[in-house]
């Protein structure tokens, strides 16, 4: 039995190939000694990087003309009174004032601070919008105004003008994906 096992093991072991390693000839002079930082081959960088380098992957807009919420929140003074288009999903959506106002806390992943969107019942697709819940995704065009409430500096208002639009891009089914605003933070 031992003969069969040793014979089997010897037949399965492969022999290693011989490799010829040849020495490399260096045809350039090497420094004799390296002392201190002044003689280092890789010296420290002493130049300032341009400001655009730090914001390289932080563009002003997302795909198309959709403004990033991080850029909007950082430069909010220049956007007050302007018409902007933003996209994102609802961290929270609630009806107020006897179902005449819809408040949506909109986030797009560029920062953690949500943009409050205030939609009045004069908007064209109000019946569809008032069913909005947490997790719905939107594309909203409206006017930026200073907020009169506490907790945020600006808000996006939709009063029913013809240029103001709120489109629901995706819905979150509560039966399949129950999201509790106190447990999960989108």
C-alpha atoms as a PDB file:
ATOM      1  CA  UNK A   1       0.000   0.000   0.000  1.00  0.00           C
ATOM      2  CA  UNK A   2       2.842   2.368   0.845  1.00  0.00           C
ATOM      3  CA  UNK A   3       4.448   1.677  -2.495  1.00  0.00           C
ATOM      4  CA  UNK A   4       1.297   2.651  -4.368  1.00  0.00           C
ATOM      5  CA  UNK A   5       0.911   5.839  -2.359  1.00  0.00           C
ATOM      6  CA  UNK A   6       4.541   6.898  -2.827  1.00  0.00           C
ATOM      7  CA  UNK A   7       4.399   6.023  -6.520  1.00  0.00           C
ATOM      8  CA  UNK A   8       1.234   8.074  -6.911  1.00  0.00           C
ATOM      9  CA  UNK A   9       2.726  11.055  -5.053  1.00  0.00           C
ATOM     10  CA  UNK A  10       5.909  10.973  -7.129  1.00  0.00           C
ATOM     11  CA  UNK A  11       3.942  10.972 -10.367  1.00  0.00           C
ATOM     12  CA  UNK A  12       1.867  14.008  -9.364  1.00  0.00           C
ATOM     13  CA  UNK A  13       4.782  16.201  -8.239  1.00  0.00           C
ATOM     14  CA  UNK A  14       6.076  18.369 -11.061  1.00  0.00           C
ATOM     15  CA  UNK A  15       9.712  19.204 -11.406  1.00  0.00           C
ATOM     16  CA  UNK A  16      10.724  22.853 -11.061  1.00  0.00           C
ATOM     17  CA  UNK A  17      12.202  24.558 -14.110  1.00  0.00           C
ATOM     18  CA  UNK A  18      15.659  26.042 -13.928  1.00  0.00           C
ATOM     19  CA  UNK A  19      15.763  29.786 -14.491  1.00  0.00           C
ATOM     20  CA  UNK A  20      18.853  31.610 -15.639  1.00  0.00           C
ATOM     21  CA  UNK A  21      19.241  34.928 -13.837  1.00  0.00           C
ATOM     22  CA  UNK A  22      21.731  37.225 -15.464  1.00  0.00           C
ATOM     23  CA  UNK A  23      23.304  40.189 -13.683  1.00  0.00           C
ATOM     24  CA  UNK A  24      22.270  43.654 -14.880  1.00  0.00           C
ATOM     25  CA  UNK A  25      24.928  46.110 -15.936  1.00  0.00           C
ATOM     26  CA  UNK A  26      24.433  49.685 -14.669  1.00  0.00           C
ATOM     27  CA  UNK A  27      25.710  52.194 -17.177  1.00  0.00           C
ATOM     28  CA  UNK A  28      25.055  55.378 -15.154  1.00  0.00           C
ATOM     29  CA  UNK A  29      26.885  56.681 -12.083  1.00  0.00           C
ATOM     30  CA  UNK A  30      25.290  56.236  -8.676  1.00  0.00           C
ATOM     31  CA  UNK A  31      25.835  58.875  -5.968  1.00  0.00           C
ATOM     32  CA  UNK A  32      28.473  58.023  -3.423  1.00  0.00           C
ATOM     33  CA  UNK A  33      26.554  59.308  -0.386  1.00  0.00           C
ATOM     34  CA  UNK A  34      23.227  60.965   0.367  1.00  0.00           C
ATOM     35  CA  UNK A  35      23.301  63.290   3.333  1.00  0.00           C
ATOM     36  CA  UNK A  36      20.398  65.433   4.493  1.00  0.00           C
ATOM     37  CA  UNK A  37      17.394  66.700   2.617  1.00  0.00           C
ATOM     38  CA  UNK A  38      19.338  68.864   0.170  1.00  0.00           C
ATOM     39  CA  UNK A  39      20.853  65.808  -1.504  1.00  0.00           C
ATOM     40  CA  UNK A  40      17.685  63.705  -1.609  1.00  0.00           C
ATOM     41  CA  UNK A  41      16.587  62.465  -4.982  1.00  0.00           C
ATOM     42  CA  UNK A  42      12.926  63.223  -4.257  1.00  0.00           C
ATOM     43  CA  UNK A  43      12.751  66.649  -2.622  1.00  0.00           C
ATOM     44  CA  UNK A  44       9.677  68.004  -0.852  1.00  0.00           C
ATOM     45  CA  UNK A  45       7.068  69.888  -2.850  1.00  0.00           C
ATOM     46  CA  UNK A  46       6.961  73.546  -1.887  1.00  0.00           C
ATOM     47  CA  UNK A  47       4.352  74.816  -4.358  1.00  0.00           C
ATOM     48  CA  UNK A  48       0.674  75.549  -3.688  1.00  0.00           C
ATOM     49  CA  UNK A  49      -1.961  73.560  -5.542  1.00  0.00           C
ATOM     50  CA  UNK A  50      -4.593  75.601  -7.378  1.00  0.00           C
ATOM     51  CA  UNK A  51      -8.024  75.887  -5.724  1.00  0.00           C
ATOM     52  CA  UNK A  52      -9.661  74.067  -8.646  1.00  0.00           C
ATOM     53  CA  UNK A  53      -7.672  70.954  -7.713  1.00  0.00           C
ATOM     54  CA  UNK A  54      -9.530  70.640  -4.430  1.00  0.00           C
ATOM     55  CA  UNK A  55     -12.959  70.882  -6.066  1.00  0.00           C
ATOM     56  CA  UNK A  56     -12.066  68.669  -9.016  1.00  0.00           C
ATOM     57  CA  UNK A  57     -14.777  66.083  -8.400  1.00  0.00           C
ATOM     58  CA  UNK A  58     -17.360  68.506  -7.045  1.00  0.00           C
ATOM     59  CA  UNK A  59     -19.043  70.054 -10.080  1.00  0.00           C
ATOM     60  CA  UNK A  60     -21.727  72.725  -9.891  1.00  0.00           C
ATOM     61  CA  UNK A  61     -24.328  70.575 -11.610  1.00  0.00           C
ATOM     62  CA  UNK A  62     -25.238  66.941 -11.909  1.00  0.00           C
ATOM     63  CA  UNK A  63     -26.242  65.520 -15.285  1.00  0.00           C
ATOM     64  CA  UNK A  64     -27.774  68.284 -17.393  1.00  0.00           C
ATOM     65  CA  UNK A  65     -28.790  71.484 -15.612  1.00  0.00           C
ATOM     66  CA  UNK A  66     -29.662  69.812 -12.313  1.00  0.00           C
ATOM     67  CA  UNK A  67     -27.918  71.754  -9.546  1.00  0.00           C
ATOM     68  CA  UNK A  68     -26.100  69.809  -6.822  1.00  0.00           C
ATOM     69  CA  UNK A  69     -27.543  70.509  -3.378  1.00  0.00           C
ATOM     70  CA  UNK A  70     -24.079  70.792  -1.809  1.00  0.00           C
ATOM     71  CA  UNK A  71     -23.180  73.594  -4.233  1.00  0.00           C
ATOM     72  CA  UNK A  72     -26.547  75.269  -3.704  1.00  0.00           C
ATOM     73  CA  UNK A  73     -26.204  75.185   0.091  1.00  0.00           C
ATOM     74  CA  UNK A  74     -22.620  76.472   0.009  1.00  0.00           C
ATOM     75  CA  UNK A  75     -23.459  79.402  -2.324  1.00  0.00           C
ATOM     76  CA  UNK A  76     -27.051  80.060  -1.333  1.00  0.00           C
ATOM     77  CA  UNK A  77     -26.767  83.882  -1.290  1.00  0.00           C
ATOM     78  CA  UNK A  78     -26.224  84.003  -5.045  1.00  0.00           C
ATOM     79  CA  UNK A  79     -29.270  81.811  -5.717  1.00  0.00           C
ATOM     80  CA  UNK A  80     -31.930  83.699  -3.725  1.00  0.00           C
ATOM     81  CA  UNK A  81     -34.665  84.723  -6.166  1.00  0.00           C
ATOM     82  CA  UNK A  82     -33.278  82.480  -8.937  1.00  0.00           C
ATOM     83  CA  UNK A  83     -35.063  79.597 -10.660  1.00  0.00           C
ATOM     84  CA  UNK A  84     -33.171  76.311 -10.216  1.00  0.00           C
ATOM     85  CA  UNK A  85     -33.685  72.638 -11.010  1.00  0.00           C
ATOM     86  CA  UNK A  86     -32.697  70.008  -8.460  1.00  0.00           C
ATOM     87  CA  UNK A  87     -33.031  66.238  -8.312  1.00  0.00           C
ATOM     88  CA  UNK A  88     -33.009  63.916  -5.334  1.00  0.00           C
ATOM     89  CA  UNK A  89     -35.121  61.781  -3.061  1.00  0.00           C
ATOM     90  CA  UNK A  90     -37.365  62.643  -0.164  1.00  0.00           C
ATOM     91  CA  UNK A  91     -35.903  62.136   3.258  1.00  0.00           C
ATOM     92  CA  UNK A  92     -39.281  63.250   4.583  1.00  0.00           C
ATOM     93  CA  UNK A  93     -42.565  64.364   2.997  1.00  0.00           C
ATOM     94  CA  UNK A  94     -45.529  65.759   4.932  1.00  0.00           C
ATOM     95  CA  UNK A  95     -48.758  67.633   4.292  1.00  0.00           C
ATOM     96  CA  UNK A  96     -49.621  70.754   6.315  1.00  0.00           C
ATOM     97  CA  UNK A  97     -52.280  73.485   6.510  1.00  0.00           C
ATOM     98  CA  UNK A  98     -55.300  71.278   5.786  1.00  0.00           C
ATOM     99  CA  UNK A  99     -53.607  69.561   2.829  1.00  0.00           C
ATOM    100  CA  UNK A 100     -52.770  72.789   0.993  1.00  0.00           C
ATOM    101  CA  UNK A 101     -48.974  72.664   1.478  1.00  0.00           C
ATOM    102  CA  UNK A 102     -46.508  69.840   0.935  1.00  0.00           C
ATOM    103  CA  UNK A 103     -43.110  69.969   2.637  1.00  0.00           C
ATOM    104  CA  UNK A 104     -40.392  67.732   1.188  1.00  0.00           C
ATOM    105  CA  UNK A 105     -36.890  67.399   2.661  1.00  0.00           C
ATOM    106  CA  UNK A 106     -34.879  66.698  -0.493  1.00  0.00           C
ATOM    107  CA  UNK A 107     -31.376  65.151  -0.537  1.00  0.00           C
ATOM    108  CA  UNK A 108     -29.197  64.139  -3.491  1.00  0.00           C
ATOM    109  CA  UNK A 109     -26.223  62.463  -1.811  1.00  0.00           C
ATOM    110  CA  UNK A 110     -23.814  65.361  -2.252  1.00  0.00           C
ATOM    111  CA  UNK A 111     -24.221  66.416   1.396  1.00  0.00           C
ATOM    112  CA  UNK A 112     -26.216  65.524   4.497  1.00  0.00           C
ATOM    113  CA  UNK A 113     -28.192  68.754   4.763  1.00  0.00           C
ATOM    114  CA  UNK A 114     -31.599  68.466   3.078  1.00  0.00           C
ATOM    115  CA  UNK A 115     -33.195  71.231   1.025  1.00  0.00           C
ATOM    116  CA  UNK A 116     -36.718  72.044   2.127  1.00  0.00           C
ATOM    117  CA  UNK A 117     -39.131  72.160  -0.786  1.00  0.00           C
ATOM    118  CA  UNK A 118     -42.493  73.875  -0.218  1.00  0.00           C
ATOM    119  CA  UNK A 119     -45.181  72.957  -2.753  1.00  0.00           C
ATOM    120  CA  UNK A 120     -48.517  74.782  -2.787  1.00  0.00           C
ATOM    121  CA  UNK A 121     -51.715  73.131  -3.988  1.00  0.00           C
ATOM    122  CA  UNK A 122     -51.784  75.353  -7.114  1.00  0.00           C
ATOM    123  CA  UNK A 123     -49.100  73.233  -8.827  1.00  0.00           C
ATOM    124  CA  UNK A 124     -50.316  71.368 -11.921  1.00  0.00           C
ATOM    125  CA  UNK A 125     -49.881  67.775 -10.639  1.00  0.00           C
ATOM    126  CA  UNK A 126     -50.907  68.465  -7.023  1.00  0.00           C
ATOM    127  CA  UNK A 127     -53.092  65.356  -6.656  1.00  0.00           C
ATOM    128  CA  UNK A 128     -50.141  63.116  -7.512  1.00  0.00           C
ATOM    129  CA  UNK A 129     -47.653  65.128  -5.428  1.00  0.00           C
ATOM    130  CA  UNK A 130     -49.691  65.134  -2.247  1.00  0.00           C
ATOM    131  CA  UNK A 131     -49.338  61.335  -2.081  1.00  0.00           C
ATOM    132  CA  UNK A 132     -45.547  61.722  -1.817  1.00  0.00           C
ATOM    133  CA  UNK A 133     -43.773  59.807   0.911  1.00  0.00           C
ATOM    134  CA  UNK A 134     -40.307  59.128   2.216  1.00  0.00           C
ATOM    135  CA  UNK A 135     -38.064  57.566  -0.440  1.00  0.00           C
ATOM    136  CA  UNK A 136     -39.794  59.064  -3.494  1.00  0.00           C
ATOM    137  CA  UNK A 137     -37.394  60.542  -6.061  1.00  0.00           C
ATOM    138  CA  UNK A 138     -38.061  63.929  -7.657  1.00  0.00           C
ATOM    139  CA  UNK A 139     -36.966  66.446 -10.251  1.00  0.00           C
ATOM    140  CA  UNK A 140     -38.103  69.875  -9.094  1.00  0.00           C
ATOM    141  CA  UNK A 141     -37.842  73.291 -10.768  1.00  0.00           C
ATOM    142  CA  UNK A 142     -38.721  76.292  -8.624  1.00  0.00           C
ATOM    143  CA  UNK A 143     -37.579  79.564  -7.087  1.00  0.00           C
ATOM    144  CA  UNK A 144     -35.080  79.758  -4.205  1.00  0.00           C
ATOM    145  CA  UNK A 145     -36.227  81.977  -1.339  1.00  0.00           C
ATOM    146  CA  UNK A 146     -34.946  82.768   2.135  1.00  0.00           C
ATOM    147  CA  UNK A 147     -36.665  80.558   4.652  1.00  0.00           C
ATOM    148  CA  UNK A 148     -38.999  82.081   7.219  1.00  0.00           C
ATOM    149  CA  UNK A 149     -38.889  78.910   9.324  1.00  0.00           C
ATOM    150  CA  UNK A 150     -36.106  77.863  11.620  1.00  0.00           C
ATOM    151  CA  UNK A 151     -33.678  75.076  10.834  1.00  0.00           C
ATOM    152  CA  UNK A 152     -32.766  76.064   7.265  1.00  0.00           C
ATOM    153  CA  UNK A 153     -31.513  79.178   5.498  1.00  0.00           C
ATOM    154  CA  UNK A 154     -33.240  78.707   2.135  1.00  0.00           C
ATOM    155  CA  UNK A 155     -36.105  76.757   0.638  1.00  0.00           C
ATOM    156  CA  UNK A 156     -37.316  75.901  -2.837  1.00  0.00           C
ATOM    157  CA  UNK A 157     -40.872  77.172  -3.383  1.00  0.00           C
ATOM    158  CA  UNK A 158     -43.424  76.097  -5.943  1.00  0.00           C
ATOM    159  CA  UNK A 159     -46.435  78.416  -5.989  1.00  0.00           C
ATOM    160  CA  UNK A 160     -48.100  77.246  -9.185  1.00  0.00           C
ATOM    161  CA  UNK A 161     -46.388  79.430 -11.806  1.00  0.00           C
ATOM    162  CA  UNK A 162     -46.031  77.890 -15.259  1.00  0.00           C
ATOM    163  CA  UNK A 163     -42.232  77.480 -15.051  1.00  0.00           C
ATOM    164  CA  UNK A 164     -42.438  75.579 -11.744  1.00  0.00           C
ATOM    165  CA  UNK A 165     -42.504  71.807 -12.093  1.00  0.00           C
ATOM    166  CA  UNK A 166     -42.301  68.866  -9.751  1.00  0.00           C
ATOM    167  CA  UNK A 167     -41.913  65.453 -11.350  1.00  0.00           C
ATOM    168  CA  UNK A 168     -41.951  62.189  -9.431  1.00  0.00           C
ATOM    169  CA  UNK A 169     -39.277  59.939 -10.921  1.00  0.00           C
ATOM    170  CA  UNK A 170     -39.729  56.967  -8.624  1.00  0.00           C
ATOM    171  CA  UNK A 171     -41.997  55.775  -5.856  1.00  0.00           C
ATOM    172  CA  UNK A 172     -41.186  53.722  -2.774  1.00  0.00           C
ATOM    173  CA  UNK A 173     -43.750  51.000  -2.082  1.00  0.00           C
ATOM    174  CA  UNK A 174     -44.476  50.944   1.657  1.00  0.00           C
ATOM    175  CA  UNK A 175     -45.508  47.291   1.584  1.00  0.00           C
ATOM    176  CA  UNK A 176     -42.213  46.117   0.071  1.00  0.00           C
ATOM    177  CA  UNK A 177     -39.880  48.695   1.618  1.00  0.00           C
ATOM    178  CA  UNK A 178     -41.226  50.136   4.881  1.00  0.00           C
ATOM    179  CA  UNK A 179     -39.082  53.139   5.764  1.00  0.00           C
ATOM    180  CA  UNK A 180     -39.372  54.747   9.171  1.00  0.00           C
ATOM    181  CA  UNK A 181     -38.002  58.285   9.361  1.00  0.00           C
ATOM    182  CA  UNK A 182     -36.694  57.713  12.889  1.00  0.00           C
ATOM    183  CA  UNK A 183     -34.781  54.527  12.066  1.00  0.00           C
ATOM    184  CA  UNK A 184     -33.158  55.099   8.689  1.00  0.00           C
ATOM    185  CA  UNK A 185     -31.382  58.189   7.466  1.00  0.00           C
ATOM    186  CA  UNK A 186     -31.146  58.366   3.674  1.00  0.00           C
END
